[in-house]
mmCIF file of all heavy atoms, coordinates in Angstrom:
data_MODEL
# 
_entry.id   MODEL 
# 
loop_
_atom_site.group_PDB 
_atom_site.id 
_atom_site.type_symbol 
_atom_site.label_atom_id 
_atom_site.label_alt_id 
_atom_site.label_comp_id 
_atom_site.label_asym_id 
_atom_site.label_entity_id 
_atom_site.label_seq_id 
_atom_site.pdbx_PDB_ins_code 
_atom_site.Cartn_x 
_atom_site.Cartn_y 
_atom_site.Cartn_z 
_atom_site.occupancy 
_atom_site.B_iso_or_equiv 
_atom_site.pdbx_formal_charge 
_atom_site.auth_seq_id 
_atom_site.auth_comp_id 
_atom_site.auth_asym_id 
_atom_site.auth_atom_id 
_atom_site.pdbx_PDB_model_num 
ATOM 1   N N   . VAL A 1 1  ? 13.070  12.120  23.257 1.00 0.00 ? 1  VAL A N   1 
ATOM 2   C CA  . VAL A 1 1  ? 11.837  12.302  24.001 1.00 0.00 ? 1  VAL A CA  1 
ATOM 3   C C   . VAL A 1 1  ? 11.567  11.008  24.746 1.00 0.00 ? 1  VAL A C   1 
ATOM 4   O O   . VAL A 1 1  ? 11.559  9.929   24.145 1.00 0.00 ? 1  VAL A O   1 
ATOM 5   C CB  . VAL A 1 1  ? 10.653  12.661  23.088 1.00 0.00 ? 1  VAL A CB  1 
ATOM 6   C CG1 . VAL A 1 1  ? 9.364   12.771  23.903 1.00 0.00 ? 1  VAL A CG1 1 
ATOM 7   C CG2 . VAL A 1 1  ? 10.924  13.967  22.349 1.00 0.00 ? 1  VAL A CG2 1 
ATOM 8   N N   . TYR A 1 2  ? 11.358  11.106  26.031 1.00 0.00 ? 2  TYR A N   1 
ATOM 9   C CA  . TYR A 1 2  ? 11.129  9.939   26.866 1.00 0.00 ? 2  TYR A CA  1 
ATOM 10  C C   . TYR A 1 2  ? 9.643   9.816   27.172 1.00 0.00 ? 2  TYR A C   1 
ATOM 11  O O   . TYR A 1 2  ? 8.995   10.781  27.594 1.00 0.00 ? 2  TYR A O   1 
ATOM 12  C CB  . TYR A 1 2  ? 11.935  10.041  28.160 1.00 0.00 ? 2  TYR A CB  1 
ATOM 13  C CG  . TYR A 1 2  ? 13.402  9.751   27.964 1.00 0.00 ? 2  TYR A CG  1 
ATOM 14  C CD1 . TYR A 1 2  ? 14.215  10.636  27.262 1.00 0.00 ? 2  TYR A CD1 1 
ATOM 15  C CD2 . TYR A 1 2  ? 13.975  8.587   28.465 1.00 0.00 ? 2  TYR A CD2 1 
ATOM 16  C CE1 . TYR A 1 2  ? 15.556  10.363  27.055 1.00 0.00 ? 2  TYR A CE1 1 
ATOM 17  C CE2 . TYR A 1 2  ? 15.314  8.310   28.269 1.00 0.00 ? 2  TYR A CE2 1 
ATOM 18  C CZ  . TYR A 1 2  ? 16.104  9.203   27.560 1.00 0.00 ? 2  TYR A CZ  1 
ATOM 19  O OH  . TYR A 1 2  ? 17.437  8.924   27.365 1.00 0.00 ? 2  TYR A OH  1 
ATOM 20  N N   . TYR A 1 3  ? 9.113   8.615   26.961 1.00 0.00 ? 3  TYR A N   1 
ATOM 21  C CA  . TYR A 1 3  ? 7.695   8.349   27.123 1.00 0.00 ? 3  TYR A CA  1 
ATOM 22  C C   . TYR A 1 3  ? 7.449   7.323   28.221 1.00 0.00 ? 3  TYR A C   1 
ATOM 23  O O   . TYR A 1 3  ? 8.117   6.290   28.275 1.00 0.00 ? 3  TYR A O   1 
ATOM 24  C CB  . TYR A 1 3  ? 7.086   7.813   25.831 1.00 0.00 ? 3  TYR A CB  1 
ATOM 25  C CG  . TYR A 1 3  ? 7.153   8.759   24.663 1.00 0.00 ? 3  TYR A CG  1 
ATOM 26  C CD1 . TYR A 1 3  ? 8.237   8.749   23.797 1.00 0.00 ? 3  TYR A CD1 1 
ATOM 27  C CD2 . TYR A 1 3  ? 6.117   9.651   24.414 1.00 0.00 ? 3  TYR A CD2 1 
ATOM 28  C CE1 . TYR A 1 3  ? 8.291   9.613   22.715 1.00 0.00 ? 3  TYR A CE1 1 
ATOM 29  C CE2 . TYR A 1 3  ? 6.164   10.511  23.336 1.00 0.00 ? 3  TYR A CE2 1 
ATOM 30  C CZ  . TYR A 1 3  ? 7.252   10.487  22.489 1.00 0.00 ? 3  TYR A CZ  1 
ATOM 31  O OH  . TYR A 1 3  ? 7.301   11.337  21.409 1.00 0.00 ? 3  TYR A OH  1 
ATOM 32  N N   . CYS A 1 4  ? 6.486   7.603   29.040 1.00 0.00 ? 4  CYS A N   1 
ATOM 33  C CA  . CYS A 1 4  ? 6.036   6.651   30.045 1.00 0.00 ? 4  CYS A CA  1 
ATOM 34  C C   . CYS A 1 4  ? 5.031   5.693   29.418 1.00 0.00 ? 4  CYS A C   1 
ATOM 35  O O   . CYS A 1 4  ? 4.185   6.102   28.614 1.00 0.00 ? 4  CYS A O   1 
ATOM 36  C CB  . CYS A 1 4  ? 5.397   7.398   31.213 1.00 0.00 ? 4  CYS A CB  1 
ATOM 37  S SG  . CYS A 1 4  ? 4.784   6.345   32.548 1.00 0.00 ? 4  CYS A SG  1 
ATOM 38  N N   . ASN A 1 5  ? 5.123   4.431   29.774 1.00 0.00 ? 5  ASN A N   1 
ATOM 39  C CA  . ASN A 1 5  ? 4.225   3.403   29.256 1.00 0.00 ? 5  ASN A CA  1 
ATOM 40  C C   . ASN A 1 5  ? 3.680   2.575   30.405 1.00 0.00 ? 5  ASN A C   1 
ATOM 41  O O   . ASN A 1 5  ? 4.405   2.247   31.343 1.00 0.00 ? 5  ASN A O   1 
ATOM 42  C CB  . ASN A 1 5  ? 4.970   2.507   28.262 1.00 0.00 ? 5  ASN A CB  1 
ATOM 43  C CG  . ASN A 1 5  ? 4.177   1.277   27.872 1.00 0.00 ? 5  ASN A CG  1 
ATOM 44  O OD1 . ASN A 1 5  ? 4.437   0.171   28.347 1.00 0.00 ? 5  ASN A OD1 1 
ATOM 45  N ND2 . ASN A 1 5  ? 3.209   1.466   26.990 1.00 0.00 ? 5  ASN A ND2 1 
ATOM 46  N N   . VAL A 1 6  ? 2.400   2.228   30.308 1.00 0.00 ? 6  VAL A N   1 
ATOM 47  C CA  . VAL A 1 6  ? 1.760   1.416   31.332 1.00 0.00 ? 6  VAL A CA  1 
ATOM 48  C C   . VAL A 1 6  ? 1.025   0.258   30.677 1.00 0.00 ? 6  VAL A C   1 
ATOM 49  O O   . VAL A 1 6  ? 0.277   0.448   29.714 1.00 0.00 ? 6  VAL A O   1 
ATOM 50  C CB  . VAL A 1 6  ? 0.783   2.233   32.189 1.00 0.00 ? 6  VAL A CB  1 
ATOM 51  C CG1 . VAL A 1 6  ? 0.074   1.334   33.195 1.00 0.00 ? 6  VAL A CG1 1 
ATOM 52  C CG2 . VAL A 1 6  ? 1.517   3.353   32.909 1.00 0.00 ? 6  VAL A CG2 1 
ATOM 53  N N   . VAL A 1 7  ? 1.230   -0.930  31.197 1.00 0.00 ? 7  VAL A N   1 
ATOM 54  C CA  . VAL A 1 7  ? 0.494   -2.125  30.803 1.00 0.00 ? 7  VAL A CA  1 
ATOM 55  C C   . VAL A 1 7  ? -0.503  -2.401  31.914 1.00 0.00 ? 7  VAL A C   1 
ATOM 56  O O   . VAL A 1 7  ? -0.114  -2.554  33.070 1.00 0.00 ? 7  VAL A O   1 
ATOM 57  C CB  . VAL A 1 7  ? 1.437   -3.322  30.600 1.00 0.00 ? 7  VAL A CB  1 
ATOM 58  C CG1 . VAL A 1 7  ? 0.643   -4.580  30.262 1.00 0.00 ? 7  VAL A CG1 1 
ATOM 59  C CG2 . VAL A 1 7  ? 2.446   -3.020  29.509 1.00 0.00 ? 7  VAL A CG2 1 
ATOM 60  N N   . TRP A 1 8  ? -1.781  -2.506  31.555 1.00 0.00 ? 8  TRP A N   1 
ATOM 61  C CA  . TRP A 1 8  ? -2.794  -2.586  32.583 1.00 0.00 ? 8  TRP A CA  1 
ATOM 62  C C   . TRP A 1 8  ? -4.061  -3.258  32.066 1.00 0.00 ? 8  TRP A C   1 
ATOM 63  O O   . TRP A 1 8  ? -4.141  -3.687  30.925 1.00 0.00 ? 8  TRP A O   1 
ATOM 64  C CB  . TRP A 1 8  ? -3.116  -1.181  33.106 1.00 0.00 ? 8  TRP A CB  1 
ATOM 65  C CG  . TRP A 1 8  ? -3.712  -0.263  32.075 1.00 0.00 ? 8  TRP A CG  1 
ATOM 66  C CD1 . TRP A 1 8  ? -3.062  0.360   31.044 1.00 0.00 ? 8  TRP A CD1 1 
ATOM 67  C CD2 . TRP A 1 8  ? -5.075  0.131   31.974 1.00 0.00 ? 8  TRP A CD2 1 
ATOM 68  N NE1 . TRP A 1 8  ? -3.937  1.109   30.309 1.00 0.00 ? 8  TRP A NE1 1 
ATOM 69  C CE2 . TRP A 1 8  ? -5.192  0.995   30.867 1.00 0.00 ? 8  TRP A CE2 1 
ATOM 70  C CE3 . TRP A 1 8  ? -6.221  -0.153  32.727 1.00 0.00 ? 8  TRP A CE3 1 
ATOM 71  C CZ2 . TRP A 1 8  ? -6.401  1.563   30.486 1.00 0.00 ? 8  TRP A CZ2 1 
ATOM 72  C CZ3 . TRP A 1 8  ? -7.425  0.418   32.349 1.00 0.00 ? 8  TRP A CZ3 1 
ATOM 73  C CH2 . TRP A 1 8  ? -7.502  1.269   31.249 1.00 0.00 ? 8  TRP A CH2 1 
ATOM 74  N N   . GLY A 1 9  ? -5.049  -3.352  32.943 1.00 0.00 ? 9  GLY A N   1 
ATOM 75  C CA  . GLY A 1 9  ? -6.367  -3.821  32.577 1.00 0.00 ? 9  GLY A CA  1 
ATOM 76  C C   . GLY A 1 9  ? -6.541  -5.322  32.701 1.00 0.00 ? 9  GLY A C   1 
ATOM 77  O O   . GLY A 1 9  ? -5.683  -6.045  33.213 1.00 0.00 ? 9  GLY A O   1 
ATOM 78  N N   . LEU A 1 10 ? -7.675  -5.779  32.220 1.00 0.00 ? 10 LEU A N   1 
ATOM 79  C CA  . LEU A 1 10 ? -7.984  -7.197  32.240 1.00 0.00 ? 10 LEU A CA  1 
ATOM 80  C C   . LEU A 1 10 ? -6.971  -7.972  31.413 1.00 0.00 ? 10 LEU A C   1 
ATOM 81  O O   . LEU A 1 10 ? -6.731  -7.650  30.251 1.00 0.00 ? 10 LEU A O   1 
ATOM 82  C CB  . LEU A 1 10 ? -9.396  -7.448  31.718 1.00 0.00 ? 10 LEU A CB  1 
ATOM 83  C CG  . LEU A 1 10 ? -10.531 -6.844  32.541 1.00 0.00 ? 10 LEU A CG  1 
ATOM 84  C CD1 . LEU A 1 10 ? -11.856 -7.085  31.838 1.00 0.00 ? 10 LEU A CD1 1 
ATOM 85  C CD2 . LEU A 1 10 ? -10.555 -7.428  33.944 1.00 0.00 ? 10 LEU A CD2 1 
ATOM 86  N N   . ALA A 1 11 ? -6.381  -8.971  32.034 1.00 0.00 ? 11 ALA A N   1 
ATOM 87  C CA  . ALA A 1 11 ? -5.363  -9.790  31.382 1.00 0.00 ? 11 ALA A CA  1 
ATOM 88  C C   . ALA A 1 11 ? -4.205  -8.955  30.843 1.00 0.00 ? 11 ALA A C   1 
ATOM 89  O O   . ALA A 1 11 ? -3.516  -9.379  29.914 1.00 0.00 ? 11 ALA A O   1 
ATOM 90  C CB  . ALA A 1 11 ? -5.981  -10.626 30.270 1.00 0.00 ? 11 ALA A CB  1 
ATOM 91  N N   . ALA A 1 12 ? -4.003  -7.771  31.429 1.00 0.00 ? 12 ALA A N   1 
ATOM 92  C CA  . ALA A 1 12 ? -2.905  -6.883  31.040 1.00 0.00 ? 12 ALA A CA  1 
ATOM 93  C C   . ALA A 1 12 ? -2.911  -6.607  29.543 1.00 0.00 ? 12 ALA A C   1 
ATOM 94  O O   . ALA A 1 12 ? -1.860  -6.603  28.896 1.00 0.00 ? 12 ALA A O   1 
ATOM 95  C CB  . ALA A 1 12 ? -1.574  -7.475  31.486 1.00 0.00 ? 12 ALA A CB  1 
ATOM 96  N N   . ARG A 1 13 ? -4.084  -6.385  29.001 1.00 0.00 ? 13 ARG A N   1 
ATOM 97  C CA  . ARG A 1 13 ? -4.208  -6.173  27.563 1.00 0.00 ? 13 ARG A CA  1 
ATOM 98  C C   . ARG A 1 13 ? -4.213  -4.714  27.147 1.00 0.00 ? 13 ARG A C   1 
ATOM 99  O O   . ARG A 1 13 ? -4.097  -4.411  25.958 1.00 0.00 ? 13 ARG A O   1 
ATOM 100 C CB  . ARG A 1 13 ? -5.483  -6.848  27.053 1.00 0.00 ? 13 ARG A CB  1 
ATOM 101 C CG  . ARG A 1 13 ? -5.432  -8.367  27.078 1.00 0.00 ? 13 ARG A CG  1 
ATOM 102 C CD  . ARG A 1 13 ? -6.730  -8.976  26.607 1.00 0.00 ? 13 ARG A CD  1 
ATOM 103 N NE  . ARG A 1 13 ? -7.818  -8.741  27.549 1.00 0.00 ? 13 ARG A NE  1 
ATOM 104 C CZ  . ARG A 1 13 ? -9.047  -9.227  27.402 1.00 0.00 ? 13 ARG A CZ  1 
ATOM 105 N NH1 . ARG A 1 13 ? -9.339  -9.974  26.342 1.00 0.00 ? 13 ARG A NH1 1 
ATOM 106 N NH2 . ARG A 1 13 ? -9.979  -8.971  28.296 1.00 0.00 ? 13 ARG A NH2 1 
ATOM 107 N N   . ALA A 1 14 ? -4.329  -3.804  28.083 1.00 0.00 ? 14 ALA A N   1 
ATOM 108 C CA  . ALA A 1 14 ? -4.377  -2.388  27.762 1.00 0.00 ? 14 ALA A CA  1 
ATOM 109 C C   . ALA A 1 14 ? -2.982  -1.778  27.791 1.00 0.00 ? 14 ALA A C   1 
ATOM 110 O O   . ALA A 1 14 ? -2.120  -2.182  28.577 1.00 0.00 ? 14 ALA A O   1 
ATOM 111 C CB  . ALA A 1 14 ? -5.288  -1.653  28.741 1.00 0.00 ? 14 ALA A CB  1 
ATOM 112 N N   . ARG A 1 15 ? -2.794  -0.799  26.937 1.00 0.00 ? 15 ARG A N   1 
ATOM 113 C CA  . ARG A 1 15 ? -1.524  -0.076  26.845 1.00 0.00 ? 15 ARG A CA  1 
ATOM 114 C C   . ARG A 1 15 ? -1.814  1.418   26.800 1.00 0.00 ? 15 ARG A C   1 
ATOM 115 O O   . ARG A 1 15 ? -2.676  1.863   26.045 1.00 0.00 ? 15 ARG A O   1 
ATOM 116 C CB  . ARG A 1 15 ? -0.747  -0.470  25.588 1.00 0.00 ? 15 ARG A CB  1 
ATOM 117 C CG  . ARG A 1 15 ? -0.488  -1.963  25.435 1.00 0.00 ? 15 ARG A CG  1 
ATOM 118 C CD  . ARG A 1 15 ? 0.594   -2.437  26.380 1.00 0.00 ? 15 ARG A CD  1 
ATOM 119 N NE  . ARG A 1 15 ? 0.964   -3.825  26.116 1.00 0.00 ? 15 ARG A NE  1 
ATOM 120 C CZ  . ARG A 1 15 ? 0.350   -4.893  26.623 1.00 0.00 ? 15 ARG A CZ  1 
ATOM 121 N NH1 . ARG A 1 15 ? -0.685  -4.730  27.435 1.00 0.00 ? 15 ARG A NH1 1 
ATOM 122 N NH2 . ARG A 1 15 ? 0.776   -6.116  26.323 1.00 0.00 ? 15 ARG A NH2 1 
ATOM 123 N N   . SER A 1 16 ? -1.092  2.183   27.590 1.00 0.00 ? 16 SER A N   1 
ATOM 124 C CA  . SER A 1 16 ? -1.248  3.628   27.595 1.00 0.00 ? 16 SER A CA  1 
ATOM 125 C C   . SER A 1 16 ? 0.109   4.297   27.527 1.00 0.00 ? 16 SER A C   1 
ATOM 126 O O   . SER A 1 16 ? 1.108   3.762   28.017 1.00 0.00 ? 16 SER A O   1 
ATOM 127 C CB  . SER A 1 16 ? -2.001  4.100   28.840 1.00 0.00 ? 16 SER A CB  1 
ATOM 128 O OG  . SER A 1 16 ? -3.335  3.638   28.838 1.00 0.00 ? 16 SER A OG  1 
ATOM 129 N N   . TRP A 1 17 ? 0.121   5.480   26.930 1.00 0.00 ? 17 TRP A N   1 
ATOM 130 C CA  . TRP A 1 17 ? 1.348   6.246   26.739 1.00 0.00 ? 17 TRP A CA  1 
ATOM 131 C C   . TRP A 1 17 ? 1.176   7.673   27.217 1.00 0.00 ? 17 TRP A C   1 
ATOM 132 O O   . TRP A 1 17 ? 0.113   8.277   27.059 1.00 0.00 ? 17 TRP A O   1 
ATOM 133 C CB  . TRP A 1 17 ? 1.732   6.278   25.255 1.00 0.00 ? 17 TRP A CB  1 
ATOM 134 C CG  . TRP A 1 17 ? 2.081   4.950   24.688 1.00 0.00 ? 17 TRP A CG  1 
ATOM 135 C CD1 . TRP A 1 17 ? 1.244   4.041   24.127 1.00 0.00 ? 17 TRP A CD1 1 
ATOM 136 C CD2 . TRP A 1 17 ? 3.396   4.373   24.618 1.00 0.00 ? 17 TRP A CD2 1 
ATOM 137 N NE1 . TRP A 1 17 ? 1.933   2.933   23.714 1.00 0.00 ? 17 TRP A NE1 1 
ATOM 138 C CE2 . TRP A 1 17 ? 3.258   3.111   24.003 1.00 0.00 ? 17 TRP A CE2 1 
ATOM 139 C CE3 . TRP A 1 17 ? 4.660   4.803   25.012 1.00 0.00 ? 17 TRP A CE3 1 
ATOM 140 C CZ2 . TRP A 1 17 ? 4.350   2.274   23.773 1.00 0.00 ? 17 TRP A CZ2 1 
ATOM 141 C CZ3 . TRP A 1 17 ? 5.739   3.980   24.791 1.00 0.00 ? 17 TRP A CZ3 1 
ATOM 142 C CH2 . TRP A 1 17 ? 5.580   2.729   24.172 1.00 0.00 ? 17 TRP A CH2 1 
ATOM 143 N N   . GLY A 1 18 ? 2.249   8.210   27.777 1.00 0.00 ? 18 GLY A N   1 
ATOM 144 C CA  . GLY A 1 18 ? 2.271   9.622   28.082 1.00 0.00 ? 18 GLY A CA  1 
ATOM 145 C C   . GLY A 1 18 ? 2.631   10.431  26.858 1.00 0.00 ? 18 GLY A C   1 
ATOM 146 O O   . GLY A 1 18 ? 2.924   9.894   25.786 1.00 0.00 ? 18 GLY A O   1 
ATOM 147 N N   . GLN A 1 19 ? 2.604   11.739  27.007 1.00 0.00 ? 19 GLN A N   1 
ATOM 148 C CA  . GLN A 1 19 ? 2.901   12.625  25.890 1.00 0.00 ? 19 GLN A CA  1 
ATOM 149 C C   . GLN A 1 19 ? 4.393   12.818  25.656 1.00 0.00 ? 19 GLN A C   1 
ATOM 150 O O   . GLN A 1 19 ? 4.796   13.296  24.599 1.00 0.00 ? 19 GLN A O   1 
ATOM 151 C CB  . GLN A 1 19 ? 2.234   13.980  26.111 1.00 0.00 ? 19 GLN A CB  1 
ATOM 152 C CG  . GLN A 1 19 ? 0.714   13.920  26.054 1.00 0.00 ? 19 GLN A CG  1 
ATOM 153 C CD  . GLN A 1 19 ? 0.223   13.437  24.711 1.00 0.00 ? 19 GLN A CD  1 
ATOM 154 O OE1 . GLN A 1 19 ? 0.566   14.011  23.669 1.00 0.00 ? 19 GLN A OE1 1 
ATOM 155 N NE2 . GLN A 1 19 ? -0.585  12.383  24.716 1.00 0.00 ? 19 GLN A NE2 1 
ATOM 156 N N   . GLY A 1 20 ? 5.199   12.461  26.622 1.00 0.00 ? 20 GLY A N   1 
ATOM 157 C CA  . GLY A 1 20 ? 6.636   12.532  26.470 1.00 0.00 ? 20 GLY A CA  1 
ATOM 158 C C   . GLY A 1 20 ? 7.245   13.752  27.126 1.00 0.00 ? 20 GLY A C   1 
ATOM 159 O O   . GLY A 1 20 ? 6.605   14.791  27.266 1.00 0.00 ? 20 GLY A O   1 
ATOM 160 N N   . THR A 1 21 ? 8.486   13.609  27.524 1.00 0.00 ? 21 THR A N   1 
ATOM 161 C CA  . THR A 1 21 ? 9.246   14.715  28.079 1.00 0.00 ? 21 THR A CA  1 
ATOM 162 C C   . THR A 1 21 ? 10.627  14.726  27.432 1.00 0.00 ? 21 THR A C   1 
ATOM 163 O O   . THR A 1 21 ? 11.265  13.683  27.277 1.00 0.00 ? 21 THR A O   1 
ATOM 164 C CB  . THR A 1 21 ? 9.345   14.614  29.615 1.00 0.00 ? 21 THR A CB  1 
ATOM 165 O OG1 . THR A 1 21 ? 10.015  15.764  30.136 1.00 0.00 ? 21 THR A OG1 1 
ATOM 166 C CG2 . THR A 1 21 ? 10.090  13.355  30.060 1.00 0.00 ? 21 THR A CG2 1 
ATOM 167 N N   . GLN A 1 22 ? 11.066  15.897  27.032 1.00 0.00 ? 22 GLN A N   1 
ATOM 168 C CA  . GLN A 1 22 ? 12.315  16.027  26.288 1.00 0.00 ? 22 GLN A CA  1 
ATOM 169 C C   . GLN A 1 22 ? 13.517  15.979  27.223 1.00 0.00 ? 22 GLN A C   1 
ATOM 170 O O   . GLN A 1 22 ? 13.561  16.682  28.234 1.00 0.00 ? 22 GLN A O   1 
ATOM 171 C CB  . GLN A 1 22 ? 12.333  17.343  25.508 1.00 0.00 ? 22 GLN A CB  1 
ATOM 172 C CG  . GLN A 1 22 ? 13.636  17.602  24.748 1.00 0.00 ? 22 GLN A CG  1 
ATOM 173 C CD  . GLN A 1 22 ? 13.820  16.686  23.568 1.00 0.00 ? 22 GLN A CD  1 
ATOM 174 O OE1 . GLN A 1 22 ? 12.898  16.504  22.767 1.00 0.00 ? 22 GLN A OE1 1 
ATOM 175 N NE2 . GLN A 1 22 ? 15.012  16.088  23.450 1.00 0.00 ? 22 GLN A NE2 1 
ATOM 176 N N   . VAL A 1 23 ? 14.474  15.155  26.856 1.00 0.00 ? 23 VAL A N   1 
ATOM 177 C CA  . VAL A 1 23 ? 15.767  15.106  27.535 1.00 0.00 ? 23 VAL A CA  1 
ATOM 178 C C   . VAL A 1 23 ? 16.840  15.457  26.517 1.00 0.00 ? 23 VAL A C   1 
ATOM 179 O O   . VAL A 1 23 ? 16.958  14.794  25.484 1.00 0.00 ? 23 VAL A O   1 
ATOM 180 C CB  . VAL A 1 23 ? 16.049  13.723  28.139 1.00 0.00 ? 23 VAL A CB  1 
ATOM 181 C CG1 . VAL A 1 23 ? 17.484  13.639  28.659 1.00 0.00 ? 23 VAL A CG1 1 
ATOM 182 C CG2 . VAL A 1 23 ? 15.055  13.422  29.253 1.00 0.00 ? 23 VAL A CG2 1 
ATOM 183 N N   . THR A 1 24 ? 17.593  16.492  26.800 1.00 0.00 ? 24 THR A N   1 
ATOM 184 C CA  . THR A 1 24 ? 18.663  16.919  25.910 1.00 0.00 ? 24 THR A CA  1 
ATOM 185 C C   . THR A 1 24 ? 19.972  16.937  26.682 1.00 0.00 ? 24 THR A C   1 
ATOM 186 O O   . THR A 1 24 ? 20.080  17.598  27.718 1.00 0.00 ? 24 THR A O   1 
ATOM 187 C CB  . THR A 1 24 ? 18.386  18.310  25.330 1.00 0.00 ? 24 THR A CB  1 
ATOM 188 O OG1 . THR A 1 24 ? 17.141  18.304  24.625 1.00 0.00 ? 24 THR A OG1 1 
ATOM 189 C CG2 . THR A 1 24 ? 19.492  18.720  24.370 1.00 0.00 ? 24 THR A CG2 1 
ATOM 190 N N   . VAL A 1 25 ? 20.944  16.209  26.176 1.00 0.00 ? 25 VAL A N   1 
ATOM 191 C CA  . VAL A 1 25 ? 22.262  16.130  26.800 1.00 0.00 ? 25 VAL A CA  1 
ATOM 192 C C   . VAL A 1 25 ? 23.253  16.800  25.857 1.00 0.00 ? 25 VAL A C   1 
ATOM 193 O O   . VAL A 1 25 ? 23.549  16.280  24.777 1.00 0.00 ? 25 VAL A O   1 
ATOM 194 C CB  . VAL A 1 25 ? 22.680  14.687  27.078 1.00 0.00 ? 25 VAL A CB  1 
ATOM 195 C CG1 . VAL A 1 25 ? 24.002  14.652  27.827 1.00 0.00 ? 25 VAL A CG1 1 
ATOM 196 C CG2 . VAL A 1 25 ? 21.588  13.965  27.876 1.00 0.00 ? 25 VAL A CG2 1 
# 
């Protein structure tokens, strides 16, 4: 499962995550 991550906010102190998307090979 691949998750998107973002570093943001004042002094880059915030962290957010997506719910994920499945990759199957």
